[in-house]
């Protein structure tokens, strides 16, 4: 694990106990922006990357209690907080894992989500490649993260890098995010920017992995 990732682990583990209270408004807004894009049967296999204290899972299961969710994070104490929120009857499984090395076979999930975590990925192309790999044909990926089109997010990104808390230049602009997704087989269906309060600038990107027939047709042309 690189130094920046270790720093992220240490920082979030240290603040895990007060995380939900401190970031309640921010998390509620970003989680709603993510969940509201989903149109589900209700029994899909879902992967949440960078799940933190499990608040996104709470929103998902309130609406679709039969979802089969795997939620991963690098921080043990954040996962410990998440595990206290759900009864054993709900199908949520938590694990320590890295977005750049997902420990799942290809096509394991119908939905892959990442909310407020992608800017910590050291190798963005590798991370998106892993998302595409574990997503089933016809599946959907939604990434919500800071947007580099907003000045505050660029400044914060620079500060995190200078202080060793994150790799350099991880915050993407809207056009960069679209290009990154399109370099894989993911097809962008929606990409929007918005603010939370006066300084947080966010974007949410929704992309779909073509089904087997579509992929075959594309290859044959």
Protein backbone atom coordinates (compact mmCIF):
# COMPACT_ATOMS: atom_id res chain seq x y z
CA UNK A 1 0.00 0.00 0.00
CA UNK A 2 1.36 3.46 -0.89
CA UNK A 3 1.97 6.21 1.67
CA UNK A 4 -1.07 8.25 0.62
CA UNK A 5 -3.37 5.24 1.07
CA UNK A 6 -1.90 4.55 4.50
CA UNK A 7 -2.51 8.17 5.48
CA UNK A 8 -6.12 7.93 4.30
CA UNK A 9 -6.57 4.76 6.35
CA UNK A 10 -5.12 6.32 9.47
CA UNK A 11 -7.09 9.57 9.14
CA UNK A 12 -10.49 7.96 8.57
CA UNK A 13 -9.98 5.24 11.17
CA UNK A 14 -9.11 7.88 13.74
CA UNK A 15 -12.25 9.88 12.97
CA UNK A 16 -14.65 6.97 12.44
CA UNK A 17 -16.57 7.47 15.68
CA UNK A 18 -17.68 11.01 14.83
CA UNK A 19 -17.78 10.69 11.06
CA UNK A 20 -21.56 10.40 10.60
CA UNK A 21 -22.30 13.45 12.71
CA UNK A 22 -19.57 15.60 11.19
CA UNK A 23 -20.45 14.82 7.56
CA UNK A 24 -24.21 14.25 7.87
CA UNK A 25 -25.38 16.97 5.44
CA UNK A 26 -22.69 16.26 2.85
CA UNK A 27 -23.28 12.50 2.91
CA UNK A 28 -27.06 12.85 2.76
CA UNK A 29 -26.86 15.05 -0.34
CA UNK A 30 -24.33 12.90 -2.21
CA UNK A 31 -26.03 9.62 -1.31
CA UNK A 32 -29.39 10.94 -2.49
CA UNK A 33 -27.83 12.08 -5.78
CA UNK A 34 -26.53 8.54 -6.24
CA UNK A 35 -29.58 6.53 -5.14
CA UNK A 36 -32.11 8.63 -7.04
CA UNK A 37 -30.60 7.53 -10.37
CA UNK A 38 -31.26 3.86 -9.68
CA UNK A 39 -34.26 2.00 -11.09
CA UNK A 40 -34.08 -1.49 -9.63
CA UNK A 41 -36.09 -4.70 -9.37
CA UNK A 42 -34.89 -4.89 -5.80
CA UNK A 43 -32.85 -8.11 -5.74
CA UNK A 44 -29.72 -6.97 -7.61
CA UNK A 45 -26.14 -7.72 -6.62
CA UNK A 46 -24.61 -4.40 -5.56
CA UNK A 47 -21.01 -3.43 -4.85
CA UNK A 48 -20.33 -0.23 -2.91
CA UNK A 49 -16.69 0.89 -3.20
CA UNK A 50 -15.46 3.10 -0.37
CA UNK A 51 -18.53 2.49 1.78
CA UNK A 52 -17.23 4.26 4.89
CA UNK A 53 -19.69 3.91 7.78
CA UNK A 54 -22.43 2.30 5.69
CA UNK A 55 -24.76 5.26 5.26
CA UNK A 56 -25.26 4.57 1.55
CA UNK A 57 -26.30 1.01 2.41
CA UNK A 58 -28.87 2.39 4.84
CA UNK A 59 -30.43 4.50 2.08
CA UNK A 60 -30.41 1.60 -0.38
CA UNK A 61 -31.97 -0.91 2.00
CA UNK A 62 -34.67 1.48 3.16
CA UNK A 63 -35.91 1.50 -0.44
CA UNK A 64 -34.93 -2.01 -1.60
CA UNK A 65 -34.51 -4.32 1.44
CA UNK A 66 -33.81 -7.44 -0.67
CA UNK A 67 -30.68 -6.08 -2.37
CA UNK A 68 -27.59 -8.28 -2.04
CA UNK A 69 -24.90 -5.79 -1.11
CA UNK A 70 -21.14 -6.13 -0.74
CA UNK A 71 -19.59 -2.98 0.73
CA UNK A 72 -15.81 -2.46 0.80
CA UNK A 73 -13.45 0.06 2.33
CA UNK A 74 -9.78 0.31 3.30
CA UNK A 75 -10.52 1.50 6.84
CA UNK A 76 -11.25 -1.08 9.55
CA UNK A 77 -12.81 1.33 12.02
CA UNK A 78 -15.16 2.79 9.40
CA UNK A 79 -16.32 -0.75 8.59
CA UNK A 80 -16.74 -1.45 12.31
CA UNK A 81 -19.13 1.49 12.51
CA UNK A 82 -21.01 0.24 9.44
CA UNK A 83 -21.51 -3.25 10.85
CA UNK A 84 -23.38 -1.88 13.87
CA UNK A 85 -26.15 -0.42 11.70
CA UNK A 86 -27.76 -3.50 10.19
CA UNK A 87 -29.46 -6.60 11.50
CA UNK A 88 -28.14 -10.02 10.43
CA UNK A 89 -31.29 -10.55 8.35
CA UNK A 90 -30.26 -7.89 5.85
CA UNK A 91 -27.97 -9.09 3.08
CA UNK A 92 -24.97 -6.78 3.54
CA UNK A 93 -21.44 -8.14 3.56
CA UNK A 94 -18.52 -5.90 4.47
CA UNK A 95 -14.88 -6.43 3.52
CA UNK A 96 -11.55 -4.61 3.41
CA UNK A 97 -10.56 -4.16 -0.23
CA UNK A 98 -8.99 -1.69 -2.65
CA UNK A 99 -10.72 -0.35 -5.78
CA UNK A 100 -7.57 -1.02 -7.81
CA UNK A 101 -7.51 -4.72 -6.83
CA UNK A 102 -11.11 -5.84 -6.36
CA UNK A 103 -11.18 -9.42 -4.97
CA UNK A 104 -14.16 -10.53 -7.07
CA UNK A 105 -14.49 -12.51 -10.29
CA UNK A 106 -15.65 -10.86 -13.54
CA UNK A 107 -19.34 -9.98 -13.87
CA UNK A 108 -20.01 -10.40 -10.13
CA UNK A 109 -22.35 -7.41 -9.73
CA UNK A 110 -25.36 -5.84 -11.43
CA UNK A 111 -24.68 -2.43 -9.86
CA UNK A 112 -21.33 -0.89 -8.86
CA UNK A 113 -21.38 2.33 -6.82
CA UNK A 114 -18.65 4.64 -5.54
CA UNK A 115 -19.61 7.71 -3.54
CA UNK A 116 -17.01 10.26 -2.34
CA UNK A 117 -14.07 7.88 -2.67
CA UNK A 118 -12.81 7.88 -6.25
CA UNK A 119 -10.45 10.86 -5.80
CA UNK A 120 -8.34 8.69 -3.48
CA UNK A 121 -7.54 6.17 -6.25
CA UNK A 122 -3.87 6.37 -7.21
CA UNK A 123 -4.41 4.84 -10.67
CA UNK A 124 -7.74 6.07 -12.00
CA UNK A 125 -7.64 4.02 -15.21
CA UNK A 126 -6.92 0.84 -13.29
CA UNK A 127 -9.73 1.64 -10.84
CA UNK A 128 -12.31 2.19 -13.60
CA UNK A 129 -11.04 -0.94 -15.34
CA UNK A 130 -11.74 -2.92 -12.18
CA UNK A 131 -15.24 -1.46 -11.97
CA UNK A 132 -15.92 -2.50 -15.57
CA UNK A 133 -14.45 -5.97 -14.97
CA UNK A 134 -16.68 -6.87 -12.01
CA UNK A 135 -19.80 -5.35 -13.57
CA UNK A 136 -22.10 -7.80 -15.36
CA UNK A 137 -23.12 -7.18 -19.00
CA UNK A 138 -26.02 -4.74 -18.99
CA UNK A 139 -25.07 -3.57 -15.50
CA UNK A 140 -24.85 -0.01 -14.24
CA UNK A 141 -22.08 1.95 -12.54
CA UNK A 142 -22.59 5.24 -10.69
CA UNK A 143 -19.66 7.33 -9.45
CA UNK A 144 -20.27 10.39 -7.30
CA UNK A 145 -17.21 12.44 -6.44
CA UNK A 146 -15.65 15.87 -6.18
CA UNK A 147 -15.58 17.81 -9.45
CA UNK A 148 -12.46 19.63 -10.60
CA UNK A 149 -14.54 22.22 -12.46
CA UNK A 150 -15.05 23.87 -9.04
CA UNK A 151 -12.17 25.91 -7.63
CA UNK A 152 -12.54 24.76 -4.02
CA UNK A 153 -12.22 21.10 -5.00
CA UNK A 154 -9.07 21.79 -7.02
CA UNK A 155 -7.55 23.65 -4.06
CA UNK A 156 -8.49 20.89 -1.65
CA UNK A 157 -7.07 18.29 -4.03
CA UNK A 158 -3.76 20.18 -4.08
CA UNK A 159 -3.70 20.47 -0.31
CA UNK A 160 -4.33 16.74 0.14
CA UNK A 161 -1.44 15.97 -2.19
CA UNK A 162 0.99 18.43 -0.57
CA UNK A 163 0.21 17.03 2.89
CA UNK A 164 0.57 13.42 1.69
CA UNK A 165 -3.09 12.57 2.19
CA UNK A 166 -3.84 11.70 -1.45
CA UNK A 167 -2.07 11.14 -4.79
CA UNK A 168 -1.56 14.16 -7.04
CA UNK A 169 -4.26 15.40 -9.40
CA UNK A 170 -6.97 12.90 -8.56
CA UNK A 171 -9.95 15.27 -8.82
CA UNK A 172 -11.40 15.07 -12.33
CA UNK A 173 -13.17 17.70 -14.36
CA UNK A 174 -16.45 16.70 -15.99
CA UNK A 175 -14.89 16.19 -19.43
CA UNK A 176 -12.04 14.14 -17.94
CA UNK A 177 -14.49 11.91 -16.09
CA UNK A 178 -16.46 11.26 -19.29
CA UNK A 179 -13.27 10.46 -21.24
CA UNK A 180 -12.04 8.09 -18.54
CA UNK A 181 -15.29 6.13 -18.49
CA UNK A 182 -15.42 5.97 -22.29
CA UNK A 183 -11.90 4.51 -22.44
CA UNK A 184 -13.41 1.35 -20.98
CA UNK A 185 -16.47 -0.40 -22.40
CA UNK A 186 -18.73 1.68 -20.16
CA UNK A 187 -21.26 3.89 -21.95
CA UNK A 188 -22.03 7.17 -20.17
CA UNK A 189 -25.77 7.74 -19.91
CA UNK A 190 -25.77 10.68 -17.51
CA UNK A 191 -23.19 13.09 -16.10
CA UNK A 192 -24.17 16.10 -14.01
CA UNK A 193 -22.48 18.73 -11.85
CA UNK A 194 -23.94 20.38 -8.76
CA UNK A 195 -23.05 22.14 -5.52
CA UNK A 196 -23.57 21.21 -1.90
CA UNK A 197 -23.54 24.43 0.07
CA UNK A 198 -21.32 27.22 -1.22
CA UNK A 199 -18.03 25.32 -1.65
CA UNK A 200 -18.52 21.60 -2.33
CA UNK A 201 -18.63 21.01 -6.09
CA UNK A 202 -19.73 17.50 -7.02
CA UNK A 203 -20.49 15.41 -10.07
CA UNK A 204 -22.37 12.16 -10.52
CA UNK A 205 -21.67 9.94 -13.53
CA UNK A 206 -23.91 7.06 -14.54
CA UNK A 207 -22.62 4.53 -17.05
CA UNK A 208 -23.77 1.19 -18.43
CA UNK A 209 -21.83 -1.86 -19.51
CA UNK A 210 -23.16 -3.17 -22.86
CA UNK A 211 -24.90 -6.54 -22.81
CA UNK A 212 -23.29 -9.58 -24.40
CA UNK A 213 -25.22 -9.20 -27.68
CA UNK A 214 -24.35 -5.50 -27.92
CA UNK A 215 -20.67 -6.18 -27.23
CA UNK A 216 -20.59 -8.91 -29.90
CA UNK A 217 -22.26 -6.62 -32.42
CA UNK A 218 -19.74 -3.89 -31.69
CA UNK A 219 -16.83 -6.29 -32.18
CA UNK A 220 -18.15 -7.63 -35.50
CA UNK A 221 -18.53 -4.19 -37.08
